[in-house]
C-alpha atoms as a PDB file:
ATOM      1  CA  MET A   1       9.129 -28.214 -64.258  1.00  0.00           C
ATOM      2  CA  ARG A   2      11.903 -26.037 -62.279  1.00  0.00           C
ATOM      3  CA  PHE A   3       9.638 -23.032 -61.237  1.00  0.00           C
ATOM      4  CA  PHE A   4       6.886 -25.807 -60.192  1.00  0.00           C
ATOM      5  CA  LYS A   5       9.394 -27.122 -57.689  1.00  0.00           C
ATOM      6  CA  TYR A   6      10.316 -23.988 -56.373  1.00  0.00           C
ATOM      7  CA  PHE A   7       6.172 -22.874 -56.223  1.00  0.00           C
ATOM      8  CA  LEU A   8       5.688 -26.145 -54.244  1.00  0.00           C
ATOM      9  CA  LEU A   9       8.994 -25.704 -51.888  1.00  0.00           C
ATOM     10  CA  GLY A  10       8.040 -21.799 -51.125  1.00  0.00           C
ATOM     11  CA  PHE A  11       4.230 -22.859 -50.463  1.00  0.00           C
ATOM     12  CA  ALA A  12       5.399 -25.648 -47.936  1.00  0.00           C
ATOM     13  CA  LEU A  13       7.586 -22.972 -46.376  1.00  0.00           C
ATOM     14  CA  ILE A  14       4.932 -20.303 -45.634  1.00  0.00           C
ATOM     15  CA  TRP A  15       2.626 -23.640 -44.409  1.00  0.00           C
ATOM     16  CA  LEU A  16       5.328 -24.276 -42.069  1.00  0.00           C
ATOM     17  CA  ALA A  17       5.734 -20.988 -40.728  1.00  0.00           C
ATOM     18  CA  ALA A  18       2.243 -20.938 -40.502  1.00  0.00           C
ATOM     19  CA  CYS A  19       1.548 -23.727 -38.526  1.00  0.00           C
ATOM     20  CA  GLN A  20       4.415 -22.705 -36.247  1.00  0.00           C
ATOM     21  CA  GLN A  21       2.610 -19.534 -35.366  1.00  0.00           C
ATOM     22  CA  ASN A  22      -0.631 -20.785 -35.076  1.00  0.00           C
ATOM     23  CA  THR A  23       0.636 -23.092 -32.455  1.00  0.00           C
ATOM     24  CA  THR A  24       2.236 -20.149 -30.525  1.00  0.00           C
ATOM     25  CA  ASN A  25      -0.676 -17.876 -30.614  1.00  0.00           C
ATOM     26  CA  THR A  26      -3.444 -20.878 -29.241  1.00  0.00           C
ATOM     27  CA  THR A  27      -1.583 -21.555 -26.003  1.00  0.00           C
ATOM     28  CA  PRO A  28      -4.831 -22.368 -24.078  1.00  0.00           C
ATOM     29  CA  PRO A  29      -6.145 -19.739 -21.520  1.00  0.00           C
ATOM     30  CA  SER A  30      -5.136 -21.650 -18.562  1.00  0.00           C
ATOM     31  CA  ASP A  31      -1.282 -21.459 -19.320  1.00  0.00           C
ATOM     32  CA  GLN A  32      -1.556 -17.700 -19.897  1.00  0.00           C
ATOM     33  CA  THR A  33      -3.123 -17.044 -16.678  1.00  0.00           C
ATOM     34  CA  ALA A  34      -1.064 -19.310 -14.697  1.00  0.00           C
ATOM     35  CA  ALA A  35       1.959 -17.029 -16.684  1.00  0.00           C
ATOM     36  CA  ILE A  36       0.993 -13.993 -15.120  1.00  0.00           C
ATOM     37  CA  GLU A  37       0.184 -15.362 -11.561  1.00  0.00           C
ATOM     38  CA  SER A  38       4.044 -16.305 -11.797  1.00  0.00           C
ATOM     39  CA  ILE A  39       4.972 -12.837 -13.135  1.00  0.00           C
ATOM     40  CA  LEU A  40       2.916 -11.365 -10.502  1.00  0.00           C
ATOM     41  CA  ALA A  41       3.886 -14.022  -7.592  1.00  0.00           C
ATOM     42  CA  ASP A  42       7.645 -13.052  -8.659  1.00  0.00           C
ATOM     43  CA  SER A  43       6.920  -9.231  -8.291  1.00  0.00           C
ATOM     44  CA  THR A  44       7.785  -8.482  -4.857  1.00  0.00           C
ATOM     45  CA  ASP A  45       6.863  -4.730  -4.700  1.00  0.00           C
ATOM     46  CA  LEU A  46       3.090  -5.735  -5.228  1.00  0.00           C
ATOM     47  CA  PHE A  47       3.080  -8.247  -2.642  1.00  0.00           C
ATOM     48  CA  TYR A  48       5.091  -6.104   0.002  1.00  0.00           C
ATOM     49  CA  ASP A  49       2.505  -4.765   2.589  1.00  0.00           C
ATOM     50  CA  ALA A  50       4.682  -2.454   4.506  1.00  0.00           C
ATOM     51  CA  LEU A  51       2.030  -3.195   8.026  1.00  0.00           C
ATOM     52  CA  ASP A  52       4.415  -5.593   9.959  1.00  0.00           C
ATOM     53  CA  ASP A  53       6.146  -3.478  12.494  1.00  0.00           C
ATOM     54  CA  SER A  54       7.956  -7.018  13.501  1.00  0.00           C
ATOM     55  CA  ASP A  55       8.237  -6.422  16.862  1.00  0.00           C
ATOM     56  CA  ASP A  56       7.413  -4.029  20.065  1.00  0.00           C
ATOM     57  CA  SER A  57      10.844  -2.309  19.755  1.00  0.00           C
ATOM     58  CA  ASN A  58       9.677  -0.927  16.250  1.00  0.00           C
ATOM     59  CA  ILE A  59       6.221   0.128  17.409  1.00  0.00           C
ATOM     60  CA  THR A  60       7.952   2.179  20.400  1.00  0.00           C
ATOM     61  CA  THR A  61      10.777   4.122  17.803  1.00  0.00           C
ATOM     62  CA  GLU A  62      10.098   7.663  16.822  1.00  0.00           C
ATOM     63  CA  GLY A  63      10.933   9.233  13.895  1.00  0.00           C
ATOM     64  CA  ALA A  64      13.227   7.478  10.941  1.00  0.00           C
ATOM     65  CA  ASN A  65      14.874   4.162  11.995  1.00  0.00           C
ATOM     66  CA  TRP A  66      17.494   4.627   9.355  1.00  0.00           C
ATOM     67  CA  LEU A  67      18.583   8.081  11.218  1.00  0.00           C
ATOM     68  CA  GLY A  68      18.731   6.510  14.699  1.00  0.00           C
ATOM     69  CA  GLY A  69      14.974   7.575  15.880  1.00  0.00           C
ATOM     70  CA  SER A  70      14.439   7.618  19.858  1.00  0.00           C
ATOM     71  CA  THR A  71      12.973   4.009  21.311  1.00  0.00           C
ATOM     72  CA  THR A  72      12.150   5.854  24.399  1.00  0.00           C
ATOM     73  CA  LEU A  73       8.462   6.562  25.819  1.00  0.00           C
ATOM     74  CA  ALA A  74       9.823   9.858  27.042  1.00  0.00           C
ATOM     75  CA  LYS A  75       8.099  11.418  30.100  1.00  0.00           C
ATOM     76  CA  THR A  76       9.049  14.771  28.781  1.00  0.00           C
ATOM     77  CA  SER A  77       4.901  15.043  27.865  1.00  0.00           C
ATOM     78  CA  ARG A  78       2.092  14.457  29.819  1.00  0.00           C
ATOM     79  CA  PHE A  79       0.633  11.768  27.552  1.00  0.00           C
ATOM     80  CA  LYS A  80       2.682   9.575  25.287  1.00  0.00           C
ATOM     81  CA  LEU A  81       1.150   7.271  22.587  1.00  0.00           C
ATOM     82  CA  HIS A  82       2.574   4.341  20.558  1.00  0.00           C
ATOM     83  CA  TYR A  83       0.718   1.969  18.348  1.00  0.00           C
ATOM     84  CA  GLY A  84       1.338  -0.579  15.441  1.00  0.00           C
ATOM     85  CA  ARG A  85       0.718  -4.015  13.456  1.00  0.00           C
ATOM     86  CA  ILE A  86       2.714  -7.334  14.570  1.00  0.00           C
ATOM     87  CA  ARG A  87       1.939 -10.225  12.059  1.00  0.00           C
ATOM     88  CA  THR A  88       1.258 -13.687  13.651  1.00  0.00           C
ATOM     89  CA  LYS A  89       0.562 -15.831  10.813  1.00  0.00           C
ATOM     90  CA  PRO A  90       1.836 -16.225   7.226  1.00  0.00           C
ATOM     91  CA  VAL A  91       0.454 -13.571   4.954  1.00  0.00           C
ATOM     92  CA  GLU A  92      -2.249 -14.657   2.999  1.00  0.00           C
ATOM     93  CA  ARG A  93      -2.314 -13.945  -1.057  1.00  0.00           C
ATOM     94  CA  SER A  94      -4.487 -14.898  -4.210  1.00  0.00           C
ATOM     95  CA  ILE A  95      -4.477 -13.413  -7.818  1.00  0.00           C
ATOM     96  CA  GLN A  96      -7.536 -13.779  -9.999  1.00  0.00           C
ATOM     97  CA  VAL A  97      -6.780 -13.074 -13.743  1.00  0.00           C
ATOM     98  CA  THR A  98      -8.962 -11.908 -16.496  1.00  0.00           C
ATOM     99  CA  LEU A  99      -8.041 -11.932 -20.149  1.00  0.00           C
ATOM    100  CA  ASP A 100      -9.569  -8.686 -21.391  1.00  0.00           C
ATOM    101  CA  THR A 101      -8.641  -9.513 -24.984  1.00  0.00           C
ATOM    102  CA  ASP A 102      -5.649 -11.780 -26.734  1.00  0.00           C
ATOM    103  CA  SER A 103      -3.238  -9.250 -25.982  1.00  0.00           C
ATOM    104  CA  THR A 104      -4.169  -7.513 -22.907  1.00  0.00           C
ATOM    105  CA  ALA A 105      -5.245  -8.682 -19.115  1.00  0.00           C
ATOM    106  CA  THR A 106      -6.204  -7.703 -15.767  1.00  0.00           C
ATOM    107  CA  ALA A 107      -5.055  -8.992 -12.353  1.00  0.00           C
ATOM    108  CA  TYR A 108      -6.620  -8.526  -8.918  1.00  0.00           C
ATOM    109  CA  VAL A 109      -4.078  -9.190  -5.936  1.00  0.00           C
ATOM    110  CA  TYR A 110      -5.720  -9.627  -2.382  1.00  0.00           C
ATOM    111  CA  THR A 111      -3.404  -9.452   0.485  1.00  0.00           C
ATOM    112  CA  LYS A 112      -4.578 -10.538   4.269  1.00  0.00           C
ATOM    113  CA  PHE A 113      -2.745  -9.649   7.042  1.00  0.00           C
ATOM    114  CA  ILE A 114      -3.261 -11.660  10.236  1.00  0.00           C
ATOM    115  CA  GLY A 115      -1.864 -10.490  13.837  1.00  0.00           C
ATOM    116  CA  LYS A 116      -2.001  -8.326  16.975  1.00  0.00           C
ATOM    117  CA  PHE A 117      -2.777  -4.609  16.898  1.00  0.00           C
ATOM    118  CA  VAL A 118      -0.453  -3.246  19.982  1.00  0.00           C
ATOM    119  CA  VAL A 119      -0.856   0.086  21.987  1.00  0.00           C
ATOM    120  CA  PHE A 120       1.575   1.585  24.399  1.00  0.00           C
ATOM    121  CA  LYS A 121       0.498   4.261  26.309  1.00  0.00           C
ATOM    122  CA  ALA A 122       2.387   6.262  29.050  1.00  0.00           C
ATOM    123  CA  ARG A 123       0.999   8.803  31.503  1.00  0.00           C
ATOM    124  CA  MET A 124       2.397  11.298  33.462  1.00  0.00           C
ATOM    125  CA  ASP A 125       1.782  13.710  36.082  1.00  0.00           C
ATOM    126  CA  SER A 126       3.346  15.577  39.225  1.00  0.00           C
ATOM    127  CA  ASN A 127       3.545  12.568  41.308  1.00  0.00           C
ATOM    128  CA  SER A 128       3.380   9.575  39.097  1.00  0.00           C
ATOM    129  CA  PHE A 129       3.907   7.561  35.676  1.00  0.00           C
ATOM    130  CA  SER A 130       2.160   4.972  34.289  1.00  0.00           C
ATOM    131  CA  PHE A 131       2.277   2.439  31.404  1.00  0.00           C
ATOM    132  CA  ASP A 132       0.205   0.578  29.874  1.00  0.00           C
ATOM    133  CA  ARG A 133       0.549  -2.046  26.981  1.00  0.00           C
ATOM    134  CA  TYR A 134      -2.463  -3.877  25.405  1.00  0.00           C
ATOM    135  CA  ALA A 135      -2.979  -6.118  22.051  1.00  0.00           C
ATOM    136  CA  LYS A 136      -6.090  -6.953  19.809  1.00  0.00           C
ATOM    137  CA  PRO A 137      -6.579  -9.126  17.371  1.00  0.00           C
ATOM    138  CA  LEU A 138      -6.384  -7.541  13.650  1.00  0.00           C
ATOM    139  CA  GLU A 139      -7.495  -8.772  10.159  1.00  0.00           C
ATOM    140  CA  HIS A 140      -6.571  -6.218   7.436  1.00  0.00           C
ATOM    141  CA  GLU A 141      -7.148  -6.880   3.727  1.00  0.00           C
ATOM    142  CA  VAL A 142      -5.347  -5.152   1.095  1.00  0.00           C
ATOM    143  CA  GLU A 143      -6.095  -5.459  -2.665  1.00  0.00           C
ATOM    144  CA  ARG A 144      -4.779  -4.133  -6.147  1.00  0.00           C
ATOM    145  CA  ILE A 145      -5.194  -3.961  -9.705  1.00  0.00           C
ATOM    146  CA  VAL A 146      -2.519  -4.779 -12.216  1.00  0.00           C
ATOM    147  CA  HIS A 147      -2.889  -4.324 -15.862  1.00  0.00           C
ATOM    148  CA  LEU A 148      -0.650  -6.603 -18.379  1.00  0.00           C
ATOM    149  CA  ARG A 149       0.117  -6.628 -22.124  1.00  0.00           C
ATOM    150  CA  LYS A 150       1.165  -9.570 -24.275  1.00  0.00           C
ATOM    151  CA  PHE A 151       4.030  -8.068 -26.351  1.00  0.00           C
ATOM    152  CA  ARG A 152       5.339 -11.226 -28.380  1.00  0.00           C
ATOM    153  CA  ASN A 153       4.769 -14.970 -29.098  1.00  0.00           C
ATOM    154  CA  THR A 154       7.249 -17.430 -27.673  1.00  0.00           C
ATOM    155  CA  ASP A 155       6.398 -21.414 -26.790  1.00  0.00           C
ATOM    156  CA  VAL A 156       7.344 -20.044 -23.014  1.00  0.00           C
ATOM    157  CA  PRO A 157       4.017 -17.887 -22.016  1.00  0.00           C
ATOM    158  CA  ARG A 158       5.273 -16.298 -18.821  1.00  0.00           C
ATOM    159  CA  LYS A 159       8.175 -14.468 -21.261  1.00  0.00           C
ATOM    160  CA  ASN A 160       5.203 -12.587 -23.566  1.00  0.00           C
ATOM    161  CA  TRP A 161       3.628 -10.832 -20.870  1.00  0.00           C
ATOM    162  CA  LYS A 162       4.615  -7.533 -18.801  1.00  0.00           C
ATOM    163  CA  ILE A 163       3.179  -5.379 -16.381  1.00  0.00           C
ATOM    164  CA  THR A 164       2.105  -1.647 -18.045  1.00  0.00           C
ATOM    165  CA  ASP A 165       0.523  -0.518 -14.912  1.00  0.00           C
ATOM    166  CA  VAL A 166      -0.407  -0.720 -11.247  1.00  0.00           C
ATOM    167  CA  SER A 167      -3.185   1.207  -9.041  1.00  0.00           C
ATOM    168  CA  LEU A 168      -2.474   2.093  -5.412  1.00  0.00           C
ATOM    169  CA  LYS A 169      -2.805  -0.359  -2.616  1.00  0.00           C
ATOM    170  CA  TYR A 170      -6.259  -0.117  -0.819  1.00  0.00           C
ATOM    171  CA  GLY A 171      -6.415  -2.123   2.745  1.00  0.00           C
ATOM    172  CA  ALA A 172      -9.326  -2.195   5.332  1.00  0.00           C
ATOM    173  CA  SER A 173     -10.211  -4.233   8.361  1.00  0.00           C
ATOM    174  CA  PRO A 174     -13.477  -6.024   8.274  1.00  0.00           C
ATOM    175  CA  ASN A 175     -16.681  -4.110   9.076  1.00  0.00           C
ATOM    176  CA  HIS A 176     -14.617  -0.546   9.216  1.00  0.00           C
ATOM    177  CA  THR A 177     -16.185   2.246   9.595  1.00  0.00           C
ATOM    178  CA  VAL A 178     -13.403   4.645   8.601  1.00  0.00           C
ATOM    179  CA  GLU A 179     -12.854   5.648   5.061  1.00  0.00           C
ATOM    180  CA  ILE A 180     -10.472   7.773   3.271  1.00  0.00           C
ATOM    181  CA  VAL A 181     -12.429  10.194   1.012  1.00  0.00           C
ATOM    182  CA  GLU A 182      -9.890  12.445  -0.658  1.00  0.00           C
ATOM    183  CA  LEU A 183      -5.608  12.717  -0.455  1.00  0.00           C
ATOM    184  CA  ASP A 184      -3.959  15.696  -1.884  1.00  0.00           C
ATOM    185  CA  ILE A 185      -0.426  15.411  -2.230  1.00  0.00           C
ATOM    186  CA  MET A 186       1.016  18.541  -2.715  1.00  0.00           C
ATOM    187  CA  PRO A 187       5.138  19.008  -2.877  1.00  0.00           C
ATOM    188  CA  ALA A 188       7.321  21.638  -2.985  1.00  0.00           C
ATOM    189  CA  GLY A 189       8.201  22.256  -6.607  1.00  0.00           C
ATOM    190  CA  TYR A 190       5.518  19.572  -8.269  1.00  0.00           C
ATOM    191  CA  ASP A 191       1.914  19.582  -9.434  1.00  0.00           C
ATOM    192  CA  THR A 192      -0.665  18.812  -6.875  1.00  0.00           C
ATOM    193  CA  VAL A 193      -2.203  15.263  -6.873  1.00  0.00           C
ATOM    194  CA  ALA A 194      -5.611  14.566  -6.068  1.00  0.00           C
ATOM    195  CA  ILE A 195      -6.903  10.927  -5.552  1.00  0.00           C
ATOM    196  CA  THR A 196     -10.523   9.958  -4.175  1.00  0.00           C
ATOM    197  CA  ASP A 197     -10.330   6.109  -5.394  1.00  0.00           C
ATOM    198  CA  PRO A 198      -7.066   4.467  -4.892  1.00  0.00           C
ATOM    199  CA  LEU A 199      -7.829   1.545  -6.969  1.00  0.00           C
ATOM    200  CA  ALA A 200      -8.834   3.614  -9.862  1.00  0.00           C
ATOM    201  CA  TYR A 201      -5.497   5.645  -9.706  1.00  0.00           C
ATOM    202  CA  PHE A 202      -2.902   3.876 -12.022  1.00  0.00           C
ATOM    203  CA  GLU A 203       0.999   4.167 -12.035  1.00  0.00           C
ATOM    204  CA  ARG A 204       3.638   3.190 -14.741  1.00  0.00           C
ATOM    205  CA  GLY A 205       6.982   3.071 -14.333  1.00  0.00           C
ATOM    206  CA  SER A 206       7.508   6.345 -16.021  1.00  0.00           C
ATOM    207  CA  ASN A 207       4.984   8.418 -14.143  1.00  0.00           C
ATOM    208  CA  MET A 208       5.293   6.748 -10.649  1.00  0.00           C
ATOM    209  CA  PHE A 209       5.612   9.163  -7.535  1.00  0.00           C
ATOM    210  CA  ASN A 210       8.962  10.591  -7.933  1.00  0.00           C
ATOM    211  CA  TYR A 211      10.802  12.726  -5.442  1.00  0.00           C
ATOM    212  CA  SER A 212      14.259  14.233  -5.620  1.00  0.00           C
ATOM    213  CA  ARG A 213      15.991  14.099  -2.395  1.00  0.00           C
ATOM    214  CA  TRP A 214      14.966  16.440   0.196  1.00  0.00           C
ATOM    215  CA  THR A 215      11.502  17.672  -1.275  1.00  0.00           C
ATOM    216  CA  ASP A 216       9.334  18.898   1.245  1.00  0.00           C
ATOM    217  CA  ILE A 217       5.778  17.385   0.986  1.00  0.00           C
ATOM    218  CA  ARG A 218       2.185  18.500   2.418  1.00  0.00           C
ATOM    219  CA  LEU A 219      -0.390  16.131   2.937  1.00  0.00           C
ATOM    220  CA  ARG A 220      -4.116  16.467   3.349  1.00  0.00           C
ATOM    221  CA  VAL A 221      -6.144  13.824   4.246  1.00  0.00           C
ATOM    222  CA  LYS A 222     -10.074  13.693   4.385  1.00  0.00           C
ATOM    223  CA  VAL A 223     -11.731  10.746   6.589  1.00  0.00           C
ATOM    224  CA  ARG A 224     -15.356   9.721   6.723  1.00  0.00           C
ATOM    225  CA  ASN A 225     -15.829   7.839  10.265  1.00  0.00           C
ATOM    226  CA  THR A 226     -19.447   6.353  10.989  1.00  0.00           C
ATOM    227  CA  THR A 227     -18.584   4.405  14.189  1.00  0.00           C
ATOM    228  CA  ALA A 228     -21.458   4.145  16.460  1.00  0.00           C
ATOM    229  CA  ASN A 229     -18.988   4.760  19.586  1.00  0.00           C
ATOM    230  CA  PRO A 230     -17.287   7.919  18.638  1.00  0.00           C
ATOM    231  CA  VAL A 231     -14.348   8.604  20.593  1.00  0.00           C
ATOM    232  CA  ILE A 232     -12.826  12.179  20.511  1.00  0.00           C
ATOM    233  CA  PHE A 233      -8.997  12.631  20.964  1.00  0.00           C
ATOM    234  CA  PRO A 234      -7.011  14.935  21.216  1.00  0.00           C
ATOM    235  CA  GLU A 235      -9.683  17.475  23.442  1.00  0.00           C
ATOM    236  CA  ASN A 236     -10.821  20.558  21.422  1.00  0.00           C
ATOM    237  CA  THR A 237     -11.040  18.857  18.233  1.00  0.00           C
ATOM    238  CA  GLN A 238     -14.214  16.836  16.550  1.00  0.00           C
ATOM    239  CA  ALA A 239     -11.161  14.018  15.492  1.00  0.00           C
ATOM    240  CA  THR A 240     -12.477  10.421  15.954  1.00  0.00           C
ATOM    241  CA  GLU A 241      -9.626   8.578  14.282  1.00  0.00           C
ATOM    242  CA  MET A 242      -5.520   8.972  14.130  1.00  0.00           C
ATOM    243  CA  VAL A 243      -3.918   9.788  10.827  1.00  0.00           C
ATOM    244  CA  ARG A 244      -0.187   8.923  10.316  1.00  0.00           C
ATOM    245  CA  LEU A 245       2.056   8.867   7.424  1.00  0.00           C
ATOM    246  CA  VAL A 246       4.494   5.554   7.528  1.00  0.00           C
ATOM    247  CA  TYR A 247       7.497   6.290   4.961  1.00  0.00           C
ATOM    248  CA  GLY A 248      10.732   4.697   3.598  1.00  0.00           C
ATOM    249  CA  ARG A 249       9.328   1.523   4.206  1.00  0.00           C
ATOM    250  CA  ASN A 250      11.351  -1.075   2.363  1.00  0.00           C
ATOM    251  CA  HIS A 251      12.612  -4.988   2.444  1.00  0.00           C
ATOM    252  CA  ARG A 252      15.930  -3.493   4.706  1.00  0.00           C
ATOM    253  CA  GLY A 253      13.181  -2.870   7.117  1.00  0.00           C
ATOM    254  CA  ASN A 254      13.701   0.768   6.958  1.00  0.00           C
ATOM    255  CA  PHE A 255      10.560   3.156   8.514  1.00  0.00           C
ATOM    256  CA  GLY A 256       9.672   6.535   9.950  1.00  0.00           C
ATOM    257  CA  ARG A 257       6.397   7.577  10.988  1.00  0.00           C
ATOM    258  CA  ASN A 258       4.824  11.403  10.977  1.00  0.00           C
ATOM    259  CA  TYR A 259       1.441  12.150  12.501  1.00  0.00           C
ATOM    260  CA  PHE A 260      -1.190  14.287  10.849  1.00  0.00           C
ATOM    261  CA  GLU A 261      -2.742  17.342  12.724  1.00  0.00           C
ATOM    262  CA  TRP A 262      -6.667  17.762  12.941  1.00  0.00           C
ATOM    263  CA  LYS A 263      -7.462  20.649  10.711  1.00  0.00           C
ATOM    264  CA  GLY A 264     -11.264  20.917  11.072  1.00  0.00           C
ATOM    265  CA  GLN A 265     -14.155  19.296   8.643  1.00  0.00           C
ATOM    266  CA  ASP A 266     -15.655  20.017   5.115  1.00  0.00           C
ATOM    267  CA  GLY A 267     -18.868  20.801   4.529  1.00  0.00           C
ATOM    268  CA  GLN A 268     -20.121  16.999   4.470  1.00  0.00           C
ATOM    269  CA  GLY A 269     -18.810  16.672   7.705  1.00  0.00           C
ATOM    270  CA  ASN A 270     -15.252  14.533   7.180  1.00  0.00           C
ATOM    271  CA  ASN A 271     -12.315  15.448   9.461  1.00  0.00           C
ATOM    272  CA  ILE A 272      -9.573  17.130   7.567  1.00  0.00           C
ATOM    273  CA  TYR A 273      -5.921  16.179   8.583  1.00  0.00           C
ATOM    274  CA  GLU A 274      -2.854  17.833   7.233  1.00  0.00           C
ATOM    275  CA  GLY A 275       0.941  16.621   7.597  1.00  0.00           C
ATOM    276  CA  ASN A 276       4.541  17.427   6.550  1.00  0.00           C
ATOM    277  CA  TRP A 277       7.100  15.176   5.099  1.00  0.00           C
ATOM    278  CA  THR A 278      10.441  16.385   3.721  1.00  0.00           C
ATOM    279  CA  ILE A 279      12.007  13.181   1.764  1.00  0.00           C
ATOM    280  CA  LYS A 280      15.557  12.084   3.506  1.00  0.00           C
ATOM    281  CA  GLN A 281      15.812   8.606   2.147  1.00  0.00           C
ATOM    282  CA  LEU A 282      18.801   7.715   0.010  1.00  0.00           C
ATOM    283  CA  PRO A 283      17.959   7.464  -4.012  1.00  0.00           C
ATOM    284  CA  GLY A 284      15.781   4.112  -4.353  1.00  0.00           C
ATOM    285  CA  ILE A 285      12.485   2.504  -4.614  1.00  0.00           C
ATOM    286  CA  HIS A 286      10.277   3.009  -0.886  1.00  0.00           C
ATOM    287  CA  HIS A 287       7.176   2.555   0.132  1.00  0.00           C
ATOM    288  CA  ALA A 288       4.563   4.988   1.654  1.00  0.00           C
ATOM    289  CA  VAL A 289       1.390   4.389   3.566  1.00  0.00           C
ATOM    290  CA  ILE A 290      -1.429   6.442   4.539  1.00  0.00           C
ATOM    291  CA  ASP A 291      -2.538   4.703   8.073  1.00  0.00           C
ATOM    292  CA  VAL A 292      -6.294   5.589   9.518  1.00  0.00           C
ATOM    293  CA  VAL A 293      -7.117   4.028  12.744  1.00  0.00           C
ATOM    294  CA  ASP A 294     -10.489   4.606  14.620  1.00  0.00           C
ATOM    295  CA  ASN A 295      -9.623   6.327  18.200  1.00  0.00           C
ATOM    296  CA  GLY A 296     -11.301   3.744  20.031  1.00  0.00           C
ATOM    297  CA  THR A 297      -9.358   1.056  18.713  1.00  0.00           C
ATOM    298  CA  ILE A 298      -6.293   2.699  20.219  1.00  0.00           C
ATOM    299  CA  LEU A 299      -7.524   4.150  23.429  1.00  0.00           C
ATOM    300  CA  ASN A 300      -9.837   1.500  24.661  1.00  0.00           C
ATOM    301  CA  PRO A 301      -8.637  -1.970  25.519  1.00  0.00           C
ATOM    302  CA  ASP A 302     -12.166  -3.119  24.918  1.00  0.00           C
ATOM    303  CA  ALA A 303     -11.405  -5.187  21.748  1.00  0.00           C
ATOM    304  CA  GLU A 304     -15.539  -6.244  21.605  1.00  0.00           C
ATOM    305  CA  THR A 305     -16.886  -2.559  21.588  1.00  0.00           C
ATOM    306  CA  TYR A 306     -13.551  -1.370  20.088  1.00  0.00           C
ATOM    307  CA  PRO A 307     -12.216  -3.841  18.063  1.00  0.00           C
ATOM    308  CA  TYR A 308      -9.645  -3.207  15.356  1.00  0.00           C
ATOM    309  CA  ASN A 309     -10.859  -0.384  12.827  1.00  0.00           C
ATOM    310  CA  SER A 310      -8.758   1.002  10.473  1.00  0.00           C
ATOM    311  CA  THR A 311      -7.799   1.745   6.506  1.00  0.00           C
ATOM    312  CA  THR A 312      -4.985   2.309   4.937  1.00  0.00           C
ATOM    313  CA  TRP A 313      -3.616   3.567   1.056  1.00  0.00           C
ATOM    314  CA  SER A 314      -0.140   3.114   0.061  1.00  0.00           C
ATOM    315  CA  THR A 315       2.036   3.458  -2.721  1.00  0.00           C
ATOM    316  CA  PRO A 316       5.476   2.583  -3.749  1.00  0.00           C
ATOM    317  CA  TYR A 317       7.546   5.978  -4.882  1.00  0.00           C
ATOM    318  CA  ARG A 318      11.076   6.775  -5.994  1.00  0.00           C
ATOM    319  CA  VAL A 319      13.783   8.923  -4.756  1.00  0.00           C
ATOM    320  CA  THR A 320      16.246  10.228  -7.251  1.00  0.00           C
ATOM    321  CA  VAL A 321      19.181  12.153  -6.325  1.00  0.00           C
ATOM    322  CA  PHE A 322      17.722  15.578  -8.138  1.00  0.00           C
END
C-alpha cells in the first residue's frame, strides 16, 4: 500500500512537471515574434544608421572630428567640394520576423531615412572666389538581416531569445543606378576579406571586423553605374560617381571621411576605386560606411534630371588596444 502511494505521488509530480513544461513550450507564435521585435528594438547598434550629418557644420568638416578636423572651405585649391545628408523627419523603422523552426528565427530590419542632400561647392581662380550651396530631397532605405536562437524556455518569451549573427547593412535610394559590385578589405597583418553581397555576409560577436589601433587598411570598391545621364568627374577619368569611407561613427557624434581615388575599370566596365584608412579611434565599437553617390547628384543642382542617387554598405567594427 505504501509503495502504491509513493508510486501515485511520483506519477503526479512527473505529470505536473510535464504540464508546466508544455505550457512554456506552447507560447503562441505572436508572442514569440513580439518578443523578438522587442529585443531588436532595444539593440541600438542594429538601428544606428550613420547617415545623418545633423547640420551644415558637420558637412564641411574635413578629417576626423574628434581629432579637431578643419571646418573651413580652404581657398588653397582650385575647387573644393563637400556633401552630406541631413535628416528632416523621424527615422521610419519596421521589423518582419519569421519563425524558421521552434528554436530559430530570422528578422528583416528596415529603416527609411528622409531628409535633404546638401552640397557645398567653392571655386577659386586668380581673380575671384565663388561659393554655392544647394539641397535636394532624399530618401534612403536601409535593410539588415538578423538571425536569432531560442536558448531556453521561461514564462517570459523575451528572455528566451538571443541574436546569433547579423548581416552588413545595405542601403540605397529609390530607383538608384549606382551599385557596389564588390568590396575588398585589405588590412595590414590581417586576412583580406572580399564581399559581393552585404546581406549574405554575416557577423557574430566573435568574428566581427576587429582591428587594433593604428592598423593601416587598404580598401578597394568596384561600382556599376547605369545612369542615363553620366557626369564624368574628375577630368581625365571615367568616374561617374564619388566613393568615400565614412568611419568612426558612433552615438557620441564622431565621424571621419576618406575619399577614394578612381583607379580604372575592370573587364565588365565597373569603375574601381581605392582608398587608405588608418584606425585612430580609441578602443570600442564604431561604425563605417562605404558611401557611393552619383556625380550628377553632387555636381548638378537640377533635382529633376539629377535626383538623389546613392547606395551604401555599412557595418560596425571593433577597435582594440593591441
